[in-house]
Amino acid sequence: MTVLNVVITGSGVIARTHAGAILRHPGLRLTALADPDPQANDRLAGWIGEQGGPPPARYASLGEALAAEAADLVVVCTPSGTHADLAEEALAAGVHVLVEKPLDASLPAARRIARVATDAEAAGQVCAVVCQHRFDPASVAVAPGCAPATWGGSPRRWPPCRGGGASGTTTRRAGAAPGNRTAAAPP
């Protein structure tokens, strides 16, 4: 079995969830953490050690980690407004990327990384966004009601986790009530 070397960028709360999943997967090896806060890196590395995992290397930036490590996959666990830039940096380095949701905090940045990811796909790279709730019982229960033409008679692209890319992204119309969402125009 091929084992992929993984770098987690962002050593905050959600990174622990990803680190635990990586430690449990026989095809993944957590080799490095990248966070500008050395204490966050140390806390996560300590927790990884408590779980029986080998101590990962620690870096202040993703660029440093990618320059020093033979990474195959980067998991982006940073604040939302940084996701697209870090995913783009990792894809430019030739590695696969998993981005914690949302893809980014701004629609233009999300569309940009969707275009970059499409180009990277031609080189055999994968860029994916976490969407773990699509199989939760509540999501499964409401999915049939979210089919095209079910919401007010006009087609919708929902749920956003199906089909992938920015074309599945939803956004609230200006002035619309919360919960009244429409499909965003494709890039």
C-alpha atoms as a PDB file:
ATOM      1  CA  MET A   1       0.000   0.000   0.000  1.00  0.00           C
ATOM      2  CA  THR A   2       1.217   3.486  -0.857  1.00  0.00           C
ATOM      3  CA  VAL A   3       1.434   5.753   2.185  1.00  0.00           C
ATOM      4  CA  LEU A   4       0.829   9.480   1.664  1.00  0.00           C
ATOM      5  CA  ASN A   5       2.813  12.007   3.695  1.00  0.00           C
ATOM      6  CA  VAL A   6       0.455  14.630   5.117  1.00  0.00           C
ATOM      7  CA  VAL A   7       1.059  18.199   6.263  1.00  0.00           C
ATOM      8  CA  ILE A   8      -1.636  19.920   8.325  1.00  0.00           C
ATOM      9  CA  THR A   9      -1.596  23.693   8.032  1.00  0.00           C
ATOM     10  CA  GLY A  10      -3.375  25.343  10.933  1.00  0.00           C
ATOM     11  CA  SER A  11      -2.937  23.647  14.319  1.00  0.00           C
ATOM     12  CA  GLY A  12      -6.155  24.843  15.955  1.00  0.00           C
ATOM     13  CA  VAL A  13      -9.229  22.989  17.162  1.00  0.00           C
ATOM     14  CA  ILE A  14     -10.381  21.377  13.892  1.00  0.00           C
ATOM     15  CA  ALA A  15      -6.833  20.203  13.141  1.00  0.00           C
ATOM     16  CA  ARG A  16      -7.124  17.718  16.018  1.00  0.00           C
ATOM     17  CA  THR A  17     -10.076  16.041  14.285  1.00  0.00           C
ATOM     18  CA  HIS A  18      -8.099  15.746  11.054  1.00  0.00           C
ATOM     19  CA  ALA A  19      -4.966  14.571  12.858  1.00  0.00           C
ATOM     20  CA  GLY A  20      -6.955  11.824  14.585  1.00  0.00           C
ATOM     21  CA  ALA A  21      -8.390  10.629  11.278  1.00  0.00           C
ATOM     22  CA  ILE A  22      -4.934  10.665   9.685  1.00  0.00           C
ATOM     23  CA  LEU A  23      -3.459   8.667  12.565  1.00  0.00           C
ATOM     24  CA  ARG A  24      -6.177   6.024  12.190  1.00  0.00           C
ATOM     25  CA  HIS A  25      -5.767   5.655   8.423  1.00  0.00           C
ATOM     26  CA  PRO A  26      -3.114   3.091   7.386  1.00  0.00           C
ATOM     27  CA  GLY A  27      -2.462   4.885   4.098  1.00  0.00           C
ATOM     28  CA  LEU A  28      -1.603   8.233   5.693  1.00  0.00           C
ATOM     29  CA  ARG A  29       1.406   9.458   7.673  1.00  0.00           C
ATOM     30  CA  LEU A  30       1.252  12.822   9.472  1.00  0.00           C
ATOM     31  CA  THR A  31       4.704  14.263   8.844  1.00  0.00           C
ATOM     32  CA  ALA A  32       4.367  17.965   9.649  1.00  0.00           C
ATOM     33  CA  LEU A  33       2.326  20.772  11.183  1.00  0.00           C
ATOM     34  CA  ALA A  34       2.432  24.346   9.904  1.00  0.00           C
ATOM     35  CA  ASP A  35       1.129  27.212  12.031  1.00  0.00           C
ATOM     36  CA  PRO A  36       2.599  30.626  12.848  1.00  0.00           C
ATOM     37  CA  ASP A  37       1.719  30.019  16.512  1.00  0.00           C
ATOM     38  CA  PRO A  38       4.411  27.692  17.909  1.00  0.00           C
ATOM     39  CA  GLN A  39       2.288  26.975  20.985  1.00  0.00           C
ATOM     40  CA  ALA A  40      -0.571  25.730  18.783  1.00  0.00           C
ATOM     41  CA  ASN A  41       1.902  23.467  16.954  1.00  0.00           C
ATOM     42  CA  ASP A  42       3.271  22.193  20.267  1.00  0.00           C
ATOM     43  CA  ARG A  43      -0.217  21.499  21.698  1.00  0.00           C
ATOM     44  CA  LEU A  44      -1.277  19.552  18.616  1.00  0.00           C
ATOM     45  CA  ALA A  45       2.020  17.674  18.421  1.00  0.00           C
ATOM     46  CA  GLY A  46       1.665  16.784  22.118  1.00  0.00           C
ATOM     47  CA  TRP A  47      -1.844  15.462  21.542  1.00  0.00           C
ATOM     48  CA  ILE A  48      -0.617  13.432  18.553  1.00  0.00           C
ATOM     49  CA  GLY A  49       2.040  11.892  20.811  1.00  0.00           C
ATOM     50  CA  GLU A  50      -0.598  11.059  23.438  1.00  0.00           C
ATOM     51  CA  GLN A  51      -2.489   9.177  20.719  1.00  0.00           C
ATOM     52  CA  GLY A  52       0.609   7.119  19.977  1.00  0.00           C
ATOM     53  CA  GLY A  53       1.547   8.947  16.799  1.00  0.00           C
ATOM     54  CA  PRO A  54       5.107   9.862  15.936  1.00  0.00           C
ATOM     55  CA  PRO A  55       6.002  13.505  16.565  1.00  0.00           C
ATOM     56  CA  PRO A  56       5.461  15.555  13.410  1.00  0.00           C
ATOM     57  CA  ALA A  57       7.911  18.247  12.361  1.00  0.00           C
ATOM     58  CA  ARG A  58       6.689  21.779  13.118  1.00  0.00           C
ATOM     59  CA  TYR A  59       6.941  24.831  10.892  1.00  0.00           C
ATOM     60  CA  ALA A  60       5.787  28.444  11.083  1.00  0.00           C
ATOM     61  CA  SER A  61       4.354  28.430   7.546  1.00  0.00           C
ATOM     62  CA  LEU A  62       3.082  26.089   4.883  1.00  0.00           C
ATOM     63  CA  GLY A  63       5.843  27.276   2.557  1.00  0.00           C
ATOM     64  CA  GLU A  64       8.501  26.199   5.062  1.00  0.00           C
ATOM     65  CA  ALA A  65       6.847  22.808   5.511  1.00  0.00           C
ATOM     66  CA  LEU A  66       6.544  22.203   1.769  1.00  0.00           C
ATOM     67  CA  ALA A  67      10.183  23.181   1.236  1.00  0.00           C
ATOM     68  CA  ALA A  68      11.419  20.799   3.943  1.00  0.00           C
ATOM     69  CA  GLU A  69       9.044  17.824   3.726  1.00  0.00           C
ATOM     70  CA  ALA A  70       8.223  15.310   0.995  1.00  0.00           C
ATOM     71  CA  ALA A  71       4.488  16.024   1.239  1.00  0.00           C
ATOM     72  CA  ASP A  72       1.835  14.287  -0.827  1.00  0.00           C
ATOM     73  CA  LEU A  73      -1.208  15.921   0.772  1.00  0.00           C
ATOM     74  CA  VAL A  74      -1.902  19.190   2.584  1.00  0.00           C
ATOM     75  CA  VAL A  75      -4.903  19.497   4.893  1.00  0.00           C
ATOM     76  CA  VAL A  76      -5.959  23.148   5.287  1.00  0.00           C
ATOM     77  CA  CYS A  77      -7.336  23.779   8.799  1.00  0.00           C
ATOM     78  CA  THR A  78      -6.731  27.522   9.071  1.00  0.00           C
ATOM     79  CA  PRO A  79      -9.241  30.385   9.487  1.00  0.00           C
ATOM     80  CA  SER A  80     -11.713  30.465   6.591  1.00  0.00           C
ATOM     81  CA  GLY A  81     -10.391  33.584   4.854  1.00  0.00           C
ATOM     82  CA  THR A  82      -7.010  31.913   4.308  1.00  0.00           C
ATOM     83  CA  HIS A  83      -8.192  28.655   2.733  1.00  0.00           C
ATOM     84  CA  ALA A  84      -7.967  29.589  -0.954  1.00  0.00           C
ATOM     85  CA  ASP A  85      -4.484  31.098  -0.728  1.00  0.00           C
ATOM     86  CA  LEU A  86      -3.076  28.103   1.151  1.00  0.00           C
ATOM     87  CA  ALA A  87      -4.781  25.588  -1.131  1.00  0.00           C
ATOM     88  CA  GLU A  88      -3.363  27.415  -4.136  1.00  0.00           C
ATOM     89  CA  GLU A  89       0.119  27.376  -2.578  1.00  0.00           C
ATOM     90  CA  ALA A  90      -0.108  23.631  -1.965  1.00  0.00           C
ATOM     91  CA  LEU A  91      -1.420  22.882  -5.456  1.00  0.00           C
ATOM     92  CA  ALA A  92       1.395  24.976  -6.949  1.00  0.00           C
ATOM     93  CA  ALA A  93       3.813  22.760  -5.006  1.00  0.00           C
ATOM     94  CA  GLY A  94       2.318  19.712  -6.736  1.00  0.00           C
ATOM     95  CA  VAL A  95       0.513  18.117  -3.786  1.00  0.00           C
ATOM     96  CA  HIS A  96      -3.088  17.053  -3.212  1.00  0.00           C
ATOM     97  CA  VAL A  97      -5.253  19.282  -0.992  1.00  0.00           C
ATOM     98  CA  LEU A  98      -8.115  18.766   1.450  1.00  0.00           C
ATOM     99  CA  VAL A  99      -9.687  22.046   2.573  1.00  0.00           C
ATOM    100  CA  GLU A 100     -11.760  22.309   5.723  1.00  0.00           C
ATOM    101  CA  LYS A 101     -15.104  23.929   4.959  1.00  0.00           C
ATOM    102  CA  PRO A 102     -15.879  26.491   3.743  1.00  0.00           C
ATOM    103  CA  LEU A 103     -13.730  26.616   0.629  1.00  0.00           C
ATOM    104  CA  ASP A 104     -13.070  30.248   1.517  1.00  0.00           C
ATOM    105  CA  ALA A 105     -14.846  33.179   3.149  1.00  0.00           C
ATOM    106  CA  SER A 106     -15.233  35.096  -0.109  1.00  0.00           C
ATOM    107  CA  LEU A 107     -16.915  33.960  -3.296  1.00  0.00           C
ATOM    108  CA  PRO A 108     -14.200  35.425  -5.574  1.00  0.00           C
ATOM    109  CA  ALA A 109     -11.478  33.529  -3.669  1.00  0.00           C
ATOM    110  CA  ALA A 110     -13.551  30.334  -3.778  1.00  0.00           C
ATOM    111  CA  ARG A 111     -14.041  30.709  -7.525  1.00  0.00           C
ATOM    112  CA  ARG A 112     -10.330  31.358  -7.994  1.00  0.00           C
ATOM    113  CA  ILE A 113      -9.312  28.186  -6.171  1.00  0.00           C
ATOM    114  CA  ALA A 114     -11.963  26.226  -8.069  1.00  0.00           C
ATOM    115  CA  ARG A 115     -10.279  27.316 -11.329  1.00  0.00           C
ATOM    116  CA  VAL A 116      -6.803  26.491  -9.961  1.00  0.00           C
ATOM    117  CA  ALA A 117      -8.038  23.097  -8.755  1.00  0.00           C
ATOM    118  CA  THR A 118      -9.517  22.347 -12.170  1.00  0.00           C
ATOM    119  CA  ASP A 119      -6.157  23.077 -13.779  1.00  0.00           C
ATOM    120  CA  ALA A 120      -4.348  20.958 -11.154  1.00  0.00           C
ATOM    121  CA  GLU A 121      -6.713  18.070 -11.859  1.00  0.00           C
ATOM    122  CA  ALA A 122      -5.219  17.848 -15.345  1.00  0.00           C
ATOM    123  CA  ALA A 123      -1.875  17.159 -13.639  1.00  0.00           C
ATOM    124  CA  GLY A 124      -3.423  14.375 -11.538  1.00  0.00           C
ATOM    125  CA  GLN A 125      -3.875  16.400  -8.361  1.00  0.00           C
ATOM    126  CA  VAL A 126      -6.993  16.308  -6.219  1.00  0.00           C
ATOM    127  CA  CYS A 127      -8.413  19.284  -4.335  1.00  0.00           C
ATOM    128  CA  ALA A 128     -11.465  18.565  -2.171  1.00  0.00           C
ATOM    129  CA  VAL A 129     -13.522  20.400   0.426  1.00  0.00           C
ATOM    130  CA  VAL A 130     -14.773  18.712   3.588  1.00  0.00           C
ATOM    131  CA  CYS A 131     -18.533  18.165   3.448  1.00  0.00           C
ATOM    132  CA  GLN A 132     -19.082  15.526   6.097  1.00  0.00           C
ATOM    133  CA  HIS A 133     -22.731  16.293   6.847  1.00  0.00           C
ATOM    134  CA  ARG A 134     -24.184  15.255   3.492  1.00  0.00           C
ATOM    135  CA  PHE A 135     -24.885  11.731   4.781  1.00  0.00           C
ATOM    136  CA  ASP A 136     -26.195  12.752   8.201  1.00  0.00           C
ATOM    137  CA  PRO A 137     -29.781  11.530   8.742  1.00  0.00           C
ATOM    138  CA  ALA A 138     -31.178  15.090   8.695  1.00  0.00           C
ATOM    139  CA  SER A 139     -29.409  15.930   5.418  1.00  0.00           C
ATOM    140  CA  VAL A 140     -30.583  12.697   3.818  1.00  0.00           C
ATOM    141  CA  ALA A 141     -34.157  13.390   4.969  1.00  0.00           C
ATOM    142  CA  VAL A 142     -34.356  16.866   3.407  1.00  0.00           C
ATOM    143  CA  ALA A 143     -32.408  16.091   0.212  1.00  0.00           C
ATOM    144  CA  PRO A 144     -35.463  14.981  -1.819  1.00  0.00           C
ATOM    145  CA  GLY A 145     -37.137  18.323  -1.092  1.00  0.00           C
ATOM    146  CA  CYS A 146     -34.091  20.132  -2.423  1.00  0.00           C
ATOM    147  CA  ALA A 147     -34.252  18.613  -5.898  1.00  0.00           C
ATOM    148  CA  PRO A 148     -34.349  20.954  -8.925  1.00  0.00           C
ATOM    149  CA  ALA A 149     -37.600  22.858  -9.357  1.00  0.00           C
ATOM    150  CA  THR A 150     -38.701  22.021  -5.791  1.00  0.00           C
ATOM    151  CA  TRP A 151     -37.909  25.469  -4.364  1.00  0.00           C
ATOM    152  CA  GLY A 152     -40.318  27.914  -5.953  1.00  0.00           C
ATOM    153  CA  GLY A 153     -40.280  26.267  -9.352  1.00  0.00           C
ATOM    154  CA  SER A 154     -36.827  27.343 -10.525  1.00  0.00           C
ATOM    155  CA  PRO A 155     -33.823  25.017 -10.764  1.00  0.00           C
ATOM    156  CA  ARG A 156     -31.289  25.125  -7.936  1.00  0.00           C
ATOM    157  CA  ARG A 157     -27.835  23.624  -7.635  1.00  0.00           C
ATOM    158  CA  TRP A 158     -28.139  21.909  -4.252  1.00  0.00           C
ATOM    159  CA  PRO A 159     -26.645  20.407  -2.200  1.00  0.00           C
ATOM    160  CA  PRO A 160     -23.338  22.215  -2.769  1.00  0.00           C
ATOM    161  CA  CYS A 161     -21.340  19.069  -1.952  1.00  0.00           C
ATOM    162  CA  ARG A 162     -22.658  17.298  -5.031  1.00  0.00           C
ATOM    163  CA  GLY A 163     -20.925  18.019  -8.299  1.00  0.00           C
ATOM    164  CA  GLY A 164     -18.113  19.938  -6.649  1.00  0.00           C
ATOM    165  CA  GLY A 165     -16.480  23.178  -7.611  1.00  0.00           C
ATOM    166  CA  ALA A 166     -17.781  26.703  -7.306  1.00  0.00           C
ATOM    167  CA  SER A 167     -20.729  25.902  -9.592  1.00  0.00           C
ATOM    168  CA  GLY A 168     -22.391  24.141  -6.659  1.00  0.00           C
ATOM    169  CA  THR A 169     -21.890  27.051  -4.262  1.00  0.00           C
ATOM    170  CA  THR A 170     -24.976  28.733  -2.838  1.00  0.00           C
ATOM    171  CA  THR A 171     -25.242  32.317  -1.714  1.00  0.00           C
ATOM    172  CA  ARG A 172     -27.968  34.469  -0.162  1.00  0.00           C
ATOM    173  CA  ARG A 173     -29.426  37.127  -2.459  1.00  0.00           C
ATOM    174  CA  ALA A 174     -28.987  40.694  -1.267  1.00  0.00           C
ATOM    175  CA  GLY A 175     -32.050  41.630   0.768  1.00  0.00           C
ATOM    176  CA  ALA A 176     -33.339  38.051   0.905  1.00  0.00           C
ATOM    177  CA  ALA A 177     -34.445  36.574   4.185  1.00  0.00           C
ATOM    178  CA  PRO A 178     -32.005  34.225   5.948  1.00  0.00           C
ATOM    179  CA  GLY A 179     -32.466  30.743   4.587  1.00  0.00           C
ATOM    180  CA  ASN A 180     -33.597  32.060   1.175  1.00  0.00           C
ATOM    181  CA  ARG A 181     -30.635  30.935  -0.874  1.00  0.00           C
ATOM    182  CA  THR A 182     -30.067  30.810  -4.587  1.00  0.00           C
ATOM    183  CA  ALA A 183     -27.395  29.174  -6.675  1.00  0.00           C
ATOM    184  CA  ALA A 184     -24.376  31.322  -7.342  1.00  0.00           C
ATOM    185  CA  ALA A 185     -23.520  31.957 -10.951  1.00  0.00           C
ATOM    186  CA  PRO A 186     -20.746  29.723 -12.229  1.00  0.00           C
ATOM    187  CA  PRO A 187     -17.304  31.329 -12.524  1.00  0.00           C
END
